[in-house]
Amino acid sequence: MASAIGIDAAGDKCGSCVELFELIKELNGNNLTDQDQFGRDINVACDILIDQGKNTAVRELCSFIRSNIKIIFHYVHSIDEGLNPEKDCWLFFRCKRPTPTQAPPAMSYKGVEITQKN
């Protein structure tokens, strides 16, 4: 795999990465049976964002993704079984890791819900 891109402006590149992977997912529809089609979807997504005048982060991301299509396709097809933009950006570009949000479990005593006051 090619060396990872620099994440000096992490927020900018990570936001662009999520946008790029969301667009790839929309174009691909999780049709992860054909690597060539996946590559075409990546190219179309990159062309759309670059043509919209997106920043240099998109160009760097696209360059990295285009040169690593085989590895990325293998991961989303065989390991993760689908595109997950935030998770994929964390994995490939070390962006902020998505955290699951869960409410604390409700507590009760003898059928009466206990609420904690701050």
C-alpha atoms as a PDB file:
ATOM      1  CA  MET A   1       0.000   0.000   0.000  1.00  0.00           C
ATOM      2  CA  ALA A   2       1.269   3.458  -0.780  1.00  0.00           C
ATOM      3  CA  SER A   3       2.275   5.567   2.170  1.00  0.00           C
ATOM      4  CA  ALA A   4      -0.585   7.365   3.847  1.00  0.00           C
ATOM      5  CA  ILE A   5      -1.187  10.994   3.059  1.00  0.00           C
ATOM      6  CA  GLY A   6      -0.122  13.619   5.541  1.00  0.00           C
ATOM      7  CA  ILE A   7      -2.899  14.587   7.907  1.00  0.00           C
ATOM      8  CA  ASP A   8      -1.502  17.966   8.925  1.00  0.00           C
ATOM      9  CA  ALA A   9      -4.884  19.580   8.343  1.00  0.00           C
ATOM     10  CA  ALA A  10      -6.699  16.542   9.697  1.00  0.00           C
ATOM     11  CA  GLY A  11     -10.133  18.069   9.979  1.00  0.00           C
ATOM     12  CA  ASP A  12     -10.061  19.284   6.386  1.00  0.00           C
ATOM     13  CA  LYS A  13      -8.872  15.981   4.935  1.00  0.00           C
ATOM     14  CA  CYS A  14     -11.068  13.889   7.193  1.00  0.00           C
ATOM     15  CA  GLY A  15     -14.178  15.879   6.338  1.00  0.00           C
ATOM     16  CA  SER A  16     -13.322  15.595   2.668  1.00  0.00           C
ATOM     17  CA  CYS A  17     -12.680  11.881   3.099  1.00  0.00           C
ATOM     18  CA  VAL A  18     -16.109  11.245   4.622  1.00  0.00           C
ATOM     19  CA  GLU A  19     -17.753  13.278   1.837  1.00  0.00           C
ATOM     20  CA  LEU A  20     -15.808  11.321  -0.788  1.00  0.00           C
ATOM     21  CA  PHE A  21     -16.651   7.913   0.680  1.00  0.00           C
ATOM     22  CA  GLU A  22     -20.330   8.897   1.063  1.00  0.00           C
ATOM     23  CA  LEU A  23     -20.432   9.816  -2.631  1.00  0.00           C
ATOM     24  CA  ILE A  24     -18.687   6.564  -3.588  1.00  0.00           C
ATOM     25  CA  LYS A  25     -21.269   4.679  -1.530  1.00  0.00           C
ATOM     26  CA  GLU A  26     -24.132   6.520  -3.251  1.00  0.00           C
ATOM     27  CA  LEU A  27     -22.703   5.760  -6.677  1.00  0.00           C
ATOM     28  CA  ASN A  28     -21.809   2.158  -5.867  1.00  0.00           C
ATOM     29  CA  GLY A  29     -24.846   1.275  -3.796  1.00  0.00           C
ATOM     30  CA  ASN A  30     -22.694  -1.324  -1.989  1.00  0.00           C
ATOM     31  CA  ASN A  31     -22.439  -3.244  -5.263  1.00  0.00           C
ATOM     32  CA  LEU A  32     -19.169  -4.786  -4.146  1.00  0.00           C
ATOM     33  CA  THR A  33     -19.064  -7.666  -6.587  1.00  0.00           C
ATOM     34  CA  ASP A  34     -16.964  -6.020  -9.281  1.00  0.00           C
ATOM     35  CA  GLN A  35     -13.645  -4.317  -8.532  1.00  0.00           C
ATOM     36  CA  ASP A  36     -13.611  -2.610 -11.932  1.00  0.00           C
ATOM     37  CA  GLN A  37     -17.024  -1.035 -11.275  1.00  0.00           C
ATOM     38  CA  PHE A  38     -15.860   0.021  -7.820  1.00  0.00           C
ATOM     39  CA  GLY A  39     -12.855   1.719  -9.447  1.00  0.00           C
ATOM     40  CA  ARG A  40     -15.093   3.504 -11.947  1.00  0.00           C
ATOM     41  CA  ASP A  41     -17.315   4.707  -9.086  1.00  0.00           C
ATOM     42  CA  ILE A  42     -14.241   6.059  -7.277  1.00  0.00           C
ATOM     43  CA  ASN A  43     -13.151   7.896 -10.420  1.00  0.00           C
ATOM     44  CA  VAL A  44     -16.602   9.421 -10.932  1.00  0.00           C
ATOM     45  CA  ALA A  45     -16.818  10.509  -7.266  1.00  0.00           C
ATOM     46  CA  CYS A  46     -13.367  12.076  -7.432  1.00  0.00           C
ATOM     47  CA  ASP A  47     -14.151  13.831 -10.712  1.00  0.00           C
ATOM     48  CA  ILE A  48     -17.412  15.231  -9.282  1.00  0.00           C
ATOM     49  CA  LEU A  49     -15.763  16.634  -6.161  1.00  0.00           C
ATOM     50  CA  ILE A  50     -12.711  17.967  -7.993  1.00  0.00           C
ATOM     51  CA  ASP A  51     -14.928  19.578 -10.665  1.00  0.00           C
ATOM     52  CA  GLN A  52     -16.912  21.273  -7.875  1.00  0.00           C
ATOM     53  CA  GLY A  53     -13.694  23.045  -6.927  1.00  0.00           C
ATOM     54  CA  LYS A  54     -13.053  21.054  -3.768  1.00  0.00           C
ATOM     55  CA  ASN A  55      -9.773  21.692  -1.997  1.00  0.00           C
ATOM     56  CA  THR A  56      -6.411  20.049  -2.452  1.00  0.00           C
ATOM     57  CA  ALA A  57      -7.323  17.550   0.280  1.00  0.00           C
ATOM     58  CA  VAL A  58      -9.759  15.903  -2.147  1.00  0.00           C
ATOM     59  CA  ARG A  59      -7.063  15.693  -4.802  1.00  0.00           C
ATOM     60  CA  GLU A  60      -4.674  14.027  -2.347  1.00  0.00           C
ATOM     61  CA  LEU A  61      -7.350  11.644  -1.103  1.00  0.00           C
ATOM     62  CA  CYS A  62      -8.324  10.708  -4.641  1.00  0.00           C
ATOM     63  CA  SER A  63      -4.729  10.143  -5.616  1.00  0.00           C
ATOM     64  CA  PHE A  64      -4.251   7.824  -2.641  1.00  0.00           C
ATOM     65  CA  ILE A  65      -7.530   5.957  -3.185  1.00  0.00           C
ATOM     66  CA  ARG A  66      -6.992   5.559  -6.927  1.00  0.00           C
ATOM     67  CA  SER A  67      -3.546   4.066  -6.350  1.00  0.00           C
ATOM     68  CA  ASN A  68      -4.916   1.666  -3.712  1.00  0.00           C
ATOM     69  CA  ILE A  69      -8.224   0.564  -5.270  1.00  0.00           C
ATOM     70  CA  LYS A  70      -7.341  -3.124  -5.020  1.00  0.00           C
ATOM     71  CA  ILE A  71      -6.598  -2.967  -1.284  1.00  0.00           C
ATOM     72  CA  ILE A  72      -9.586  -0.761  -0.466  1.00  0.00           C
ATOM     73  CA  PHE A  73     -11.929  -2.948  -2.532  1.00  0.00           C
ATOM     74  CA  HIS A  74     -10.640  -6.081  -0.810  1.00  0.00           C
ATOM     75  CA  TYR A  75     -11.262  -4.543   2.603  1.00  0.00           C
ATOM     76  CA  VAL A  76     -14.786  -3.228   1.954  1.00  0.00           C
ATOM     77  CA  HIS A  77     -15.749  -6.349  -0.020  1.00  0.00           C
ATOM     78  CA  SER A  78     -14.207  -9.195   1.945  1.00  0.00           C
ATOM     79  CA  ILE A  79     -13.534  -7.908   5.439  1.00  0.00           C
ATOM     80  CA  ASP A  80     -15.992  -5.156   6.311  1.00  0.00           C
ATOM     81  CA  GLU A  81     -18.689  -6.200   3.806  1.00  0.00           C
ATOM     82  CA  GLY A  82     -19.657  -2.698   2.808  1.00  0.00           C
ATOM     83  CA  LEU A  83     -18.718   0.931   2.720  1.00  0.00           C
ATOM     84  CA  ASN A  84     -18.826   2.768   6.024  1.00  0.00           C
ATOM     85  CA  PRO A  85     -17.482   6.278   5.313  1.00  0.00           C
ATOM     86  CA  GLU A  86     -16.449   7.309   8.840  1.00  0.00           C
ATOM     87  CA  LYS A  87     -14.938   3.940   9.684  1.00  0.00           C
ATOM     88  CA  ASP A  88     -13.171   3.658   6.323  1.00  0.00           C
ATOM     89  CA  CYS A  89     -11.680   7.145   6.711  1.00  0.00           C
ATOM     90  CA  TRP A  90     -10.478   6.233  10.194  1.00  0.00           C
ATOM     91  CA  LEU A  91      -8.928   3.033   8.904  1.00  0.00           C
ATOM     92  CA  PHE A  92      -7.236   4.321   5.759  1.00  0.00           C
ATOM     93  CA  PHE A  93      -6.454   7.904   6.800  1.00  0.00           C
ATOM     94  CA  ARG A  94      -6.390   7.721  10.612  1.00  0.00           C
ATOM     95  CA  CYS A  95      -9.179  10.247  10.956  1.00  0.00           C
ATOM     96  CA  LYS A  96     -11.148  10.582  14.161  1.00  0.00           C
ATOM     97  CA  ARG A  97     -12.506   7.173  15.056  1.00  0.00           C
ATOM     98  CA  PRO A  98     -16.300   6.994  15.055  1.00  0.00           C
ATOM     99  CA  THR A  99     -17.645   6.309  18.514  1.00  0.00           C
ATOM    100  CA  PRO A 100     -20.917   4.558  19.143  1.00  0.00           C
ATOM    101  CA  THR A 101     -23.390   6.584  21.131  1.00  0.00           C
ATOM    102  CA  GLN A 102     -25.266   4.711  23.789  1.00  0.00           C
ATOM    103  CA  ALA A 103     -27.431   5.941  26.583  1.00  0.00           C
ATOM    104  CA  PRO A 104     -26.506   4.591  29.989  1.00  0.00           C
ATOM    105  CA  PRO A 105     -28.695   1.687  31.000  1.00  0.00           C
ATOM    106  CA  ALA A 106     -31.722   2.633  33.038  1.00  0.00           C
ATOM    107  CA  MET A 107     -31.461   1.681  36.666  1.00  0.00           C
ATOM    108  CA  SER A 108     -34.395   0.556  38.730  1.00  0.00           C
ATOM    109  CA  TYR A 109     -35.030  -0.756  42.203  1.00  0.00           C
ATOM    110  CA  LYS A 110     -38.069  -2.950  42.759  1.00  0.00           C
ATOM    111  CA  GLY A 111     -39.634  -1.747  39.522  1.00  0.00           C
ATOM    112  CA  VAL A 112     -39.085   1.967  40.196  1.00  0.00           C
ATOM    113  CA  GLU A 113     -36.752   3.752  37.773  1.00  0.00           C
ATOM    114  CA  ILE A 114     -33.913   5.558  39.480  1.00  0.00           C
ATOM    115  CA  THR A 115     -32.656   8.779  37.889  1.00  0.00           C
ATOM    116  CA  GLN A 116     -29.362  10.360  38.748  1.00  0.00           C
ATOM    117  CA  LYS A 117     -29.352  14.046  39.546  1.00  0.00           C
ATOM    118  CA  ASN A 118     -26.287  16.155  38.827  1.00  0.00           C
END
